[in-house]
C-alpha atoms as a PDB file:
ATOM      1  CA  MET A   1       0.000   0.000   0.000  1.00  0.00           C
ATOM      2  CA  ALA A   2       1.812   3.063  -1.295  1.00  0.00           C
ATOM      3  CA  LYS A   3      -0.424   5.732   0.183  1.00  0.00           C
ATOM      4  CA  ILE A   4      -0.593   6.679   3.817  1.00  0.00           C
ATOM      5  CA  LYS A   5      -3.946   7.865   5.051  1.00  0.00           C
ATOM      6  CA  ALA A   6      -4.002  11.182   6.885  1.00  0.00           C
ATOM      7  CA  ASN A   7      -5.278   9.827  10.188  1.00  0.00           C
ATOM      8  CA  ILE A   8      -2.554   7.175  10.413  1.00  0.00           C
ATOM      9  CA  LEU A   9       0.111   9.693   9.469  1.00  0.00           C
ATOM     10  CA  ALA A  10      -1.157  12.173  12.043  1.00  0.00           C
ATOM     11  CA  ILE A  11      -0.961   9.555  14.786  1.00  0.00           C
ATOM     12  CA  VAL A  12       2.627   8.778  13.847  1.00  0.00           C
ATOM     13  CA  LEU A  13       3.565  12.444  13.777  1.00  0.00           C
ATOM     14  CA  MET A  14       1.601  13.555  16.833  1.00  0.00           C
ATOM     15  CA  GLY A  15       4.021  14.849  19.400  1.00  0.00           C
ATOM     16  CA  VAL A  16       6.950  12.862  18.017  1.00  0.00           C
ATOM     17  CA  PHE A  17       8.611  15.368  15.725  1.00  0.00           C
ATOM     18  CA  MET A  18       8.613  18.600  17.717  1.00  0.00           C
ATOM     19  CA  SER A  19      11.289  20.818  16.269  1.00  0.00           C
ATOM     20  CA  ALA A  20      11.575  24.568  16.135  1.00  0.00           C
ATOM     21  CA  CYS A  21       9.697  25.914  13.152  1.00  0.00           C
ATOM     22  CA  THR A  22       9.750  29.587  12.316  1.00  0.00           C
ATOM     23  CA  HIS A  23       7.342  29.495   9.374  1.00  0.00           C
ATOM     24  CA  VAL A  24       3.883  30.637  10.430  1.00  0.00           C
ATOM     25  CA  ASP A  25       1.022  30.515   7.942  1.00  0.00           C
ATOM     26  CA  PRO A  26      -2.239  32.457   8.003  1.00  0.00           C
ATOM     27  CA  ILE A  27      -5.263  30.314   8.844  1.00  0.00           C
ATOM     28  CA  LEU A  28      -7.653  30.375   5.904  1.00  0.00           C
ATOM     29  CA  ASN A  29     -11.413  30.493   5.963  1.00  0.00           C
ATOM     30  CA  THR A  30     -13.882  30.522   3.084  1.00  0.00           C
ATOM     31  CA  SER A  31     -13.622  34.273   2.638  1.00  0.00           C
ATOM     32  CA  THR A  32      -9.796  34.395   2.638  1.00  0.00           C
ATOM     33  CA  ASP A  33      -9.191  31.243   0.558  1.00  0.00           C
ATOM     34  CA  LYS A  34      -8.387  32.901  -2.771  1.00  0.00           C
ATOM     35  CA  GLY A  35      -6.801  29.752  -4.240  1.00  0.00           C
ATOM     36  CA  GLY A  36      -9.749  27.504  -3.423  1.00  0.00           C
ATOM     37  CA  VAL A  37      -7.695  24.944  -1.462  1.00  0.00           C
ATOM     38  CA  LEU A  38     -10.459  24.573   1.138  1.00  0.00           C
ATOM     39  CA  SER A  39     -12.955  23.457  -1.483  1.00  0.00           C
ATOM     40  CA  THR A  40     -10.576  21.133  -3.357  1.00  0.00           C
ATOM     41  CA  LYS A  41     -10.040  17.437  -2.552  1.00  0.00           C
ATOM     42  CA  THR A  42      -6.727  16.904  -0.786  1.00  0.00           C
ATOM     43  CA  LYS A  43      -3.972  14.640  -2.082  1.00  0.00           C
ATOM     44  CA  ASP A  44      -2.736  11.704  -0.027  1.00  0.00           C
ATOM     45  CA  LEU A  45       0.944  11.433   0.805  1.00  0.00           C
ATOM     46  CA  THR A  46       3.139   8.539  -0.245  1.00  0.00           C
ATOM     47  CA  ARG A  47       5.797   6.931   1.932  1.00  0.00           C
ATOM     48  CA  GLU A  48       8.431   8.742  -0.106  1.00  0.00           C
ATOM     49  CA  GLU A  49       6.886  12.055   0.940  1.00  0.00           C
ATOM     50  CA  LEU A  50       7.447  11.587   4.667  1.00  0.00           C
ATOM     51  CA  PRO A  51       9.866  14.578   4.781  1.00  0.00           C
ATOM     52  CA  LEU A  52       7.101  16.735   3.271  1.00  0.00           C
ATOM     53  CA  ALA A  53       4.654  15.414   5.869  1.00  0.00           C
ATOM     54  CA  LEU A  54       7.065  16.353   8.640  1.00  0.00           C
ATOM     55  CA  GLU A  55       7.472  19.856   7.221  1.00  0.00           C
ATOM     56  CA  ILE A  56       3.697  20.306   7.001  1.00  0.00           C
ATOM     57  CA  HIS A  57       3.337  18.996  10.561  1.00  0.00           C
ATOM     58  CA  GLU A  58       5.868  21.535  11.856  1.00  0.00           C
ATOM     59  CA  ARG A  59       4.129  24.368  10.002  1.00  0.00           C
ATOM     60  CA  LEU A  60       0.739  23.341  11.429  1.00  0.00           C
ATOM     61  CA  ARG A  61       2.120  23.260  14.989  1.00  0.00           C
ATOM     62  CA  ALA A  62       3.894  26.604  14.617  1.00  0.00           C
ATOM     63  CA  THR A  63       0.838  28.255  13.106  1.00  0.00           C
ATOM     64  CA  LEU A  64      -1.525  27.005  15.791  1.00  0.00           C
ATOM     65  CA  ALA A  65       0.922  27.855  18.590  1.00  0.00           C
ATOM     66  CA  THR A  66       1.440  31.447  17.475  1.00  0.00           C
ATOM     67  CA  LYS A  67      -2.255  32.182  17.029  1.00  0.00           C
ATOM     68  CA  GLY A  68      -2.802  31.763  20.765  1.00  0.00           C
ATOM     69  CA  LYS A  69      -6.117  30.070  20.137  1.00  0.00           C
ATOM     70  CA  VAL A  70      -7.468  27.024  21.895  1.00  0.00           C
ATOM     71  CA  ALA A  71      -8.336  24.555  19.171  1.00  0.00           C
ATOM     72  CA  ALA A  72      -8.713  20.818  18.833  1.00  0.00           C
ATOM     73  CA  GLY A  73      -6.527  20.788  15.743  1.00  0.00           C
ATOM     74  CA  LEU A  74      -5.635  22.173  12.362  1.00  0.00           C
ATOM     75  CA  ALA A  75      -5.585  20.679   8.862  1.00  0.00           C
ATOM     76  CA  ALA A  76      -3.099  21.369   6.068  1.00  0.00           C
ATOM     77  CA  PRO A  77      -5.740  22.950   3.773  1.00  0.00           C
ATOM     78  CA  GLN A  78      -6.437  25.524   6.493  1.00  0.00           C
ATOM     79  CA  ILE A  79      -2.923  26.891   5.932  1.00  0.00           C
ATOM     80  CA  GLY A  80      -3.109  26.638   2.148  1.00  0.00           C
ATOM     81  CA  ILE A  81      -1.599  23.171   1.614  1.00  0.00           C
ATOM     82  CA  GLY A  82      -3.812  20.728  -0.282  1.00  0.00           C
ATOM     83  CA  ARG A  83      -2.454  17.569   1.351  1.00  0.00           C
ATOM     84  CA  SER A  84      -4.080  15.061   3.716  1.00  0.00           C
ATOM     85  CA  VAL A  85      -2.288  15.990   6.953  1.00  0.00           C
ATOM     86  CA  PHE A  86      -3.758  17.257  10.208  1.00  0.00           C
ATOM     87  CA  ILE A  87      -2.830  17.666  13.843  1.00  0.00           C
ATOM     88  CA  TYR A  88      -5.221  16.994  16.700  1.00  0.00           C
ATOM     89  CA  SER A  89      -5.176  17.339  20.475  1.00  0.00           C
ATOM     90  CA  PHE A  90      -7.644  15.263  22.443  1.00  0.00           C
ATOM     91  CA  ASP A  91      -7.644  17.813  25.264  1.00  0.00           C
ATOM     92  CA  ARG A  92      -6.944  21.010  23.276  1.00  0.00           C
ATOM     93  CA  THR A  93      -3.501  21.582  24.784  1.00  0.00           C
ATOM     94  CA  PRO A  94      -0.408  22.295  22.660  1.00  0.00           C
ATOM     95  CA  GLU A  95       1.512  19.548  24.471  1.00  0.00           C
ATOM     96  CA  ASN A  96      -0.789  16.888  22.998  1.00  0.00           C
ATOM     97  CA  LEU A  97      -0.804  18.021  19.380  1.00  0.00           C
END
């Protein structure tokens, strides 16, 4: 099976790869999504794209951390990346993302 589903990938990444990331993306909504990424089907990641998944994960964490908002999680399309990656915290704390 060449493709990794987003939920499995998120579990693997959750809290494991916590490195300093300085890139912070704006969080999109339907009125600020000029490229239409929120309304477009996401692409799955392959095993060969694990470095890309890690980069997306770091960007999601950095973006959510700097917004100072309490949230259950954030998905890659919300920061303009049309890939099937998300982060999730069961108790809405940054430590458990």
